[in-house]
Amino acid sequence: MPPTTHTDRRDAVSWGVDPYADALRSGRGPLFLRRSDGWLLPLEVERWCAGADAADLSALRRCAGTVLDIGCGPGRLVAALAAQGRRTLGIDISAAAVARTTALGGTALHRSVFDSLPGEGTWDTALLLDGNIGIGGDPRALLARTAELVGPHGLLIVETTPADVDEQVQVRVERDYHPRPGTPRAPGDLFPWARVGAPALLRYASATGWTLAEQWTATYQGGQPGVERCFVSLSRCAVPRSRG
């Protein structure tokens, strides 16, 4: 594969350094996205570094043909698809994530989704799981870019939140729940991120040429009882369907 393409995107700079890289190397948290107003979003490092669970598999079963995993993290989905004999590529702006993915036997590139990528316009399925619809802080731009990566009848599977939320914020990756007063911040370590619920996702999808194919929930393995993960399947040429 060609070397990593230069990118000056601030999300690429922030996700590629500690403490995110350290957490992926160890396979353990705690790790958070901290919004500028102090609000915290816990990052599920242990789940990401484990094998694909039942909710993950509900999404992987719906993949067609070749698969591009955008923001592959430590590679559990790439590895699961590779074990099925699928042609799969993971991309991630964290070198630690790419290293862990390849160690699992998957194929991955140290690359941003907004960089030049292999096979543009030919992938059968693209994945945006684990909150990766937030990449870049602009869901409309991300969905438009993903439409360029898949084929004319391509599929995009997005994990979303059950809440009716649509926010674009500035965040930083932090390891401490209560950082010590006066802890220095590296210049530019804030980067744009988005949180998008299903209603907002479908509005952005419609505006960027995607059509709803399917929407479902799956049990959140290892989480609190009754908590479910929510998924939306979008198609460049879709007919809505129902599937368990």
Protein backbone atom coordinates (compact mmCIF):
# COMPACT_ATOMS: atom_id res chain seq x y z
CA MET A 1 0.00 0.00 0.00
CA PRO A 2 1.19 3.61 -0.57
CA PRO A 3 2.58 5.55 2.42
CA THR A 4 0.37 7.64 4.63
CA THR A 5 -0.86 10.77 2.88
CA HIS A 6 -0.14 14.05 4.65
CA THR A 7 -3.17 15.52 6.36
CA ASP A 8 -3.51 18.69 8.41
CA ARG A 9 -6.89 17.73 9.89
CA ARG A 10 -6.90 18.44 13.62
CA ASP A 11 -8.72 15.20 14.44
CA ALA A 12 -5.86 13.27 12.86
CA VAL A 13 -3.34 15.06 15.06
CA SER A 14 -5.26 14.48 18.29
CA TRP A 15 -6.24 10.83 17.89
CA GLY A 16 -2.73 9.80 16.88
CA VAL A 17 -1.07 10.64 20.19
CA ASP A 18 -1.30 9.66 23.85
CA PRO A 19 -3.40 8.93 25.86
CA TYR A 20 -5.47 7.21 23.14
CA ALA A 21 -2.49 5.31 21.76
CA ASP A 22 -1.45 4.21 25.26
CA ALA A 23 -4.96 2.92 26.00
CA LEU A 24 -5.05 0.89 22.77
CA ARG A 25 -1.63 -0.60 23.43
CA SER A 26 -2.68 -1.70 26.93
CA GLY A 27 -6.24 -2.61 25.95
CA ARG A 28 -7.60 -0.76 28.99
CA GLY A 29 -9.24 2.50 29.95
CA PRO A 30 -10.46 4.66 31.46
CA LEU A 31 -10.55 7.05 28.53
CA PHE A 32 -12.92 9.91 27.76
CA LEU A 33 -13.83 12.54 25.23
CA ARG A 34 -14.09 15.77 27.20
CA ARG A 35 -16.13 18.58 25.72
CA SER A 36 -14.94 22.16 26.23
CA ASP A 37 -17.69 22.69 28.84
CA GLY A 38 -16.48 19.67 30.88
CA TRP A 39 -19.08 17.11 29.71
CA LEU A 40 -17.57 13.61 29.38
CA LEU A 41 -18.21 10.76 26.96
CA PRO A 42 -16.65 7.48 28.16
CA LEU A 43 -14.76 5.57 25.45
CA GLU A 44 -15.21 1.79 25.57
CA VAL A 45 -11.58 0.75 25.17
CA GLU A 46 -12.01 -2.72 26.68
CA ARG A 47 -14.91 -3.54 24.34
CA TRP A 48 -13.04 -2.22 21.32
CA CYS A 49 -9.99 -4.34 22.20
CA ALA A 50 -12.04 -7.53 22.75
CA GLY A 51 -13.47 -9.77 20.06
CA ALA A 52 -16.58 -8.90 18.06
CA ASP A 53 -19.68 -9.33 20.24
CA ALA A 54 -23.27 -10.20 19.34
CA ALA A 55 -24.17 -6.59 18.50
CA ASP A 56 -21.11 -6.27 16.27
CA LEU A 57 -21.99 -9.49 14.49
CA SER A 58 -25.51 -8.24 13.81
CA ALA A 59 -23.88 -5.49 11.73
CA LEU A 60 -21.25 -7.72 10.11
CA ARG A 61 -23.92 -10.17 8.93
CA ARG A 62 -25.42 -7.35 6.88
CA CYS A 63 -22.17 -6.49 5.11
CA ALA A 64 -22.04 -7.24 1.39
CA GLY A 65 -18.90 -7.99 -0.60
CA THR A 66 -15.75 -6.00 0.16
CA VAL A 67 -15.73 -3.97 3.36
CA LEU A 68 -14.00 -0.72 4.35
CA ASP A 69 -13.94 -0.14 8.12
CA ILE A 70 -13.57 3.60 8.69
CA GLY A 71 -11.95 4.33 12.04
CA CYS A 72 -11.15 0.65 12.61
CA GLY A 73 -9.57 1.22 16.02
CA PRO A 74 -7.82 -1.89 17.40
CA GLY A 75 -9.31 -4.01 14.64
CA ARG A 76 -11.85 -6.42 16.10
CA LEU A 77 -14.25 -5.94 13.15
CA VAL A 78 -11.54 -6.18 10.50
CA ALA A 79 -10.25 -9.37 12.13
CA ALA A 80 -13.74 -10.90 12.36
CA LEU A 81 -14.44 -10.18 8.69
CA ALA A 82 -11.01 -11.46 7.62
CA ALA A 83 -11.70 -14.69 9.50
CA GLN A 84 -14.80 -15.08 7.31
CA GLY A 85 -12.63 -14.78 4.20
CA ARG A 86 -13.88 -11.28 3.38
CA ARG A 87 -11.68 -8.75 1.60
CA THR A 88 -11.57 -6.07 4.27
CA LEU A 89 -9.50 -2.95 4.87
CA GLY A 90 -9.39 -0.89 8.05
CA ILE A 91 -8.26 2.71 8.11
CA ASP A 92 -7.39 4.73 11.20
CA ILE A 93 -5.43 7.89 11.98
CA SER A 94 -3.90 6.22 15.05
CA ALA A 95 -0.71 4.28 14.32
CA ALA A 96 -1.33 2.26 17.50
CA ALA A 97 -4.74 1.22 16.18
CA VAL A 98 -3.29 0.15 12.84
CA ALA A 99 -0.51 -1.81 14.56
CA ARG A 100 -3.02 -3.66 16.75
CA THR A 101 -5.25 -4.43 13.76
CA THR A 102 -2.40 -5.92 11.75
CA ALA A 103 -1.25 -7.92 14.78
CA LEU A 104 -4.70 -9.56 14.76
CA GLY A 105 -4.18 -10.60 11.14
CA GLY A 106 -6.21 -7.80 9.58
CA THR A 107 -5.20 -5.36 6.86
CA ALA A 108 -5.13 -1.70 7.84
CA LEU A 109 -3.73 1.64 6.69
CA HIS A 110 -2.64 4.63 8.75
CA ARG A 111 -4.91 7.00 6.89
CA SER A 112 -7.74 9.52 7.34
CA VAL A 113 -11.03 8.88 5.57
CA PHE A 114 -10.48 12.26 3.88
CA ASP A 115 -7.13 11.18 2.42
CA SER A 116 -6.69 9.30 -0.85
CA LEU A 117 -7.67 5.65 -0.30
CA PRO A 118 -7.32 2.40 -2.25
CA GLY A 119 -10.32 1.33 -4.30
CA GLU A 120 -12.27 4.58 -4.08
CA GLY A 121 -15.70 4.14 -5.64
CA THR A 122 -15.53 0.33 -5.57
CA TRP A 123 -16.14 -0.77 -1.96
CA ASP A 124 -19.35 -2.75 -1.48
CA THR A 125 -19.81 -1.86 2.20
CA ALA A 126 -18.42 0.84 4.48
CA LEU A 127 -18.65 0.78 8.28
CA LEU A 128 -18.95 3.71 10.69
CA LEU A 129 -19.40 1.93 14.04
CA ASP A 130 -18.45 2.82 17.63
CA GLY A 131 -19.49 6.46 17.24
CA ASN A 132 -17.35 7.04 14.15
CA ILE A 133 -20.12 9.05 12.51
CA GLY A 134 -18.57 11.78 14.69
CA ILE A 135 -15.29 11.81 12.75
CA GLY A 136 -14.38 15.33 11.67
CA GLY A 137 -17.32 16.94 13.46
CA ASP A 138 -19.32 17.29 10.23
CA PRO A 139 -21.68 14.34 9.56
CA ARG A 140 -22.83 15.75 6.22
CA ALA A 141 -19.24 15.98 4.93
CA LEU A 142 -18.42 12.50 6.25
CA LEU A 143 -21.46 10.92 4.60
CA ALA A 144 -20.69 12.71 1.34
CA ARG A 145 -17.11 11.45 1.46
CA THR A 146 -18.25 7.90 2.23
CA ALA A 147 -20.54 8.04 -0.79
CA GLU A 148 -17.42 8.60 -2.90
CA LEU A 149 -15.78 5.48 -1.50
CA VAL A 150 -18.49 2.89 -2.16
CA GLY A 151 -19.77 1.61 -5.49
CA PRO A 152 -23.01 2.79 -7.14
CA HIS A 153 -25.02 0.25 -5.13
CA GLY A 154 -22.84 0.50 -2.04
CA LEU A 155 -23.96 0.02 1.55
CA LEU A 156 -23.06 2.05 4.64
CA ILE A 157 -23.69 0.73 8.15
CA VAL A 158 -23.66 3.39 10.86
CA GLU A 159 -23.90 2.97 14.61
CA THR A 160 -25.88 5.83 16.05
CA THR A 161 -27.35 6.82 19.39
CA PRO A 162 -30.96 6.23 20.43
CA ALA A 163 -31.20 9.83 21.66
CA ASP A 164 -32.52 12.52 19.34
CA VAL A 165 -29.25 14.42 19.33
CA ASP A 166 -27.42 16.46 16.71
CA GLU A 167 -24.38 18.28 18.04
CA GLN A 168 -21.03 19.34 16.66
CA VAL A 169 -18.55 20.11 19.41
CA GLN A 170 -14.87 20.51 20.25
CA VAL A 171 -13.41 17.71 22.38
CA ARG A 172 -10.10 16.32 23.60
CA VAL A 173 -9.08 12.80 24.59
CA GLU A 174 -8.35 12.47 28.30
CA ARG A 175 -7.49 9.62 30.61
CA ASP A 176 -8.46 11.26 33.92
CA TYR A 177 -12.05 11.68 35.05
CA HIS A 178 -10.96 14.51 37.36
CA PRO A 179 -7.84 16.14 35.87
CA ARG A 180 -5.57 17.92 38.32
CA PRO A 181 -5.99 21.71 38.42
CA GLY A 182 -3.37 23.41 36.32
CA THR A 183 -2.70 20.36 34.13
CA PRO A 184 -1.13 21.77 30.94
CA ARG A 185 -2.89 21.27 27.61
CA ALA A 186 -0.97 20.67 24.41
CA PRO A 187 -1.66 23.40 21.82
CA GLY A 188 -4.29 22.32 19.32
CA ASP A 189 -5.36 19.19 21.19
CA LEU A 190 -9.01 20.14 20.86
CA PHE A 191 -10.60 18.69 17.72
CA PRO A 192 -14.07 18.61 16.15
CA TRP A 193 -16.44 15.75 16.93
CA ALA A 194 -20.14 15.07 16.39
CA ARG A 195 -22.87 13.07 18.11
CA VAL A 196 -25.79 12.17 15.86
CA GLY A 197 -29.00 10.33 16.69
CA ALA A 198 -30.98 8.36 14.14
CA PRO A 199 -33.40 11.19 13.15
CA ALA A 200 -30.56 13.61 12.43
CA LEU A 201 -28.53 10.90 10.70
CA LEU A 202 -31.38 10.22 8.29
CA ARG A 203 -31.68 13.93 7.49
CA TYR A 204 -27.97 14.13 6.69
CA ALA A 205 -28.18 10.88 4.72
CA SER A 206 -31.01 12.13 2.53
CA ALA A 207 -29.07 15.31 1.77
CA THR A 208 -26.01 13.34 0.64
CA GLY A 209 -27.66 10.75 -1.60
CA TRP A 210 -28.14 7.89 0.87
CA THR A 211 -31.41 6.01 1.34
CA LEU A 212 -32.53 4.15 4.45
CA ALA A 213 -32.32 0.40 3.95
CA GLU A 214 -32.77 -0.85 7.50
CA GLN A 215 -32.73 0.21 11.14
CA TRP A 216 -32.30 -2.12 14.13
CA THR A 217 -31.09 -2.44 17.69
CA ALA A 218 -28.96 -5.15 19.27
CA THR A 219 -28.25 -6.11 22.86
CA TYR A 220 -25.29 -4.27 24.32
CA GLN A 221 -23.17 -7.18 25.51
CA GLY A 222 -21.49 -6.47 28.85
CA GLY A 223 -23.42 -3.25 29.35
CA GLN A 224 -26.22 -2.38 31.72
CA PRO A 225 -29.38 -4.51 31.42
CA GLY A 226 -31.78 -3.13 28.85
CA VAL A 227 -29.16 -1.00 27.11
CA GLU A 228 -29.06 -1.56 23.35
CA ARG A 229 -26.85 -0.42 20.51
CA CYS A 230 -28.56 1.21 17.55
CA PHE A 231 -27.63 0.73 13.89
CA VAL A 232 -28.76 2.19 10.59
CA SER A 233 -28.02 0.68 7.18
CA LEU A 234 -27.94 3.14 4.29
CA SER A 235 -27.77 2.38 0.60
CA ARG A 236 -26.95 4.29 -2.55
CA CYS A 237 -29.94 2.45 -4.10
CA ALA A 238 -32.06 0.93 -1.36
CA VAL A 239 -35.44 -0.64 -0.80
CA PRO A 240 -36.53 -0.49 2.88
CA ARG A 241 -36.81 -3.91 4.49
CA SER A 242 -37.39 -5.52 7.86
CA ARG A 243 -34.96 -7.96 9.36
CA GLY A 244 -34.47 -9.41 12.82
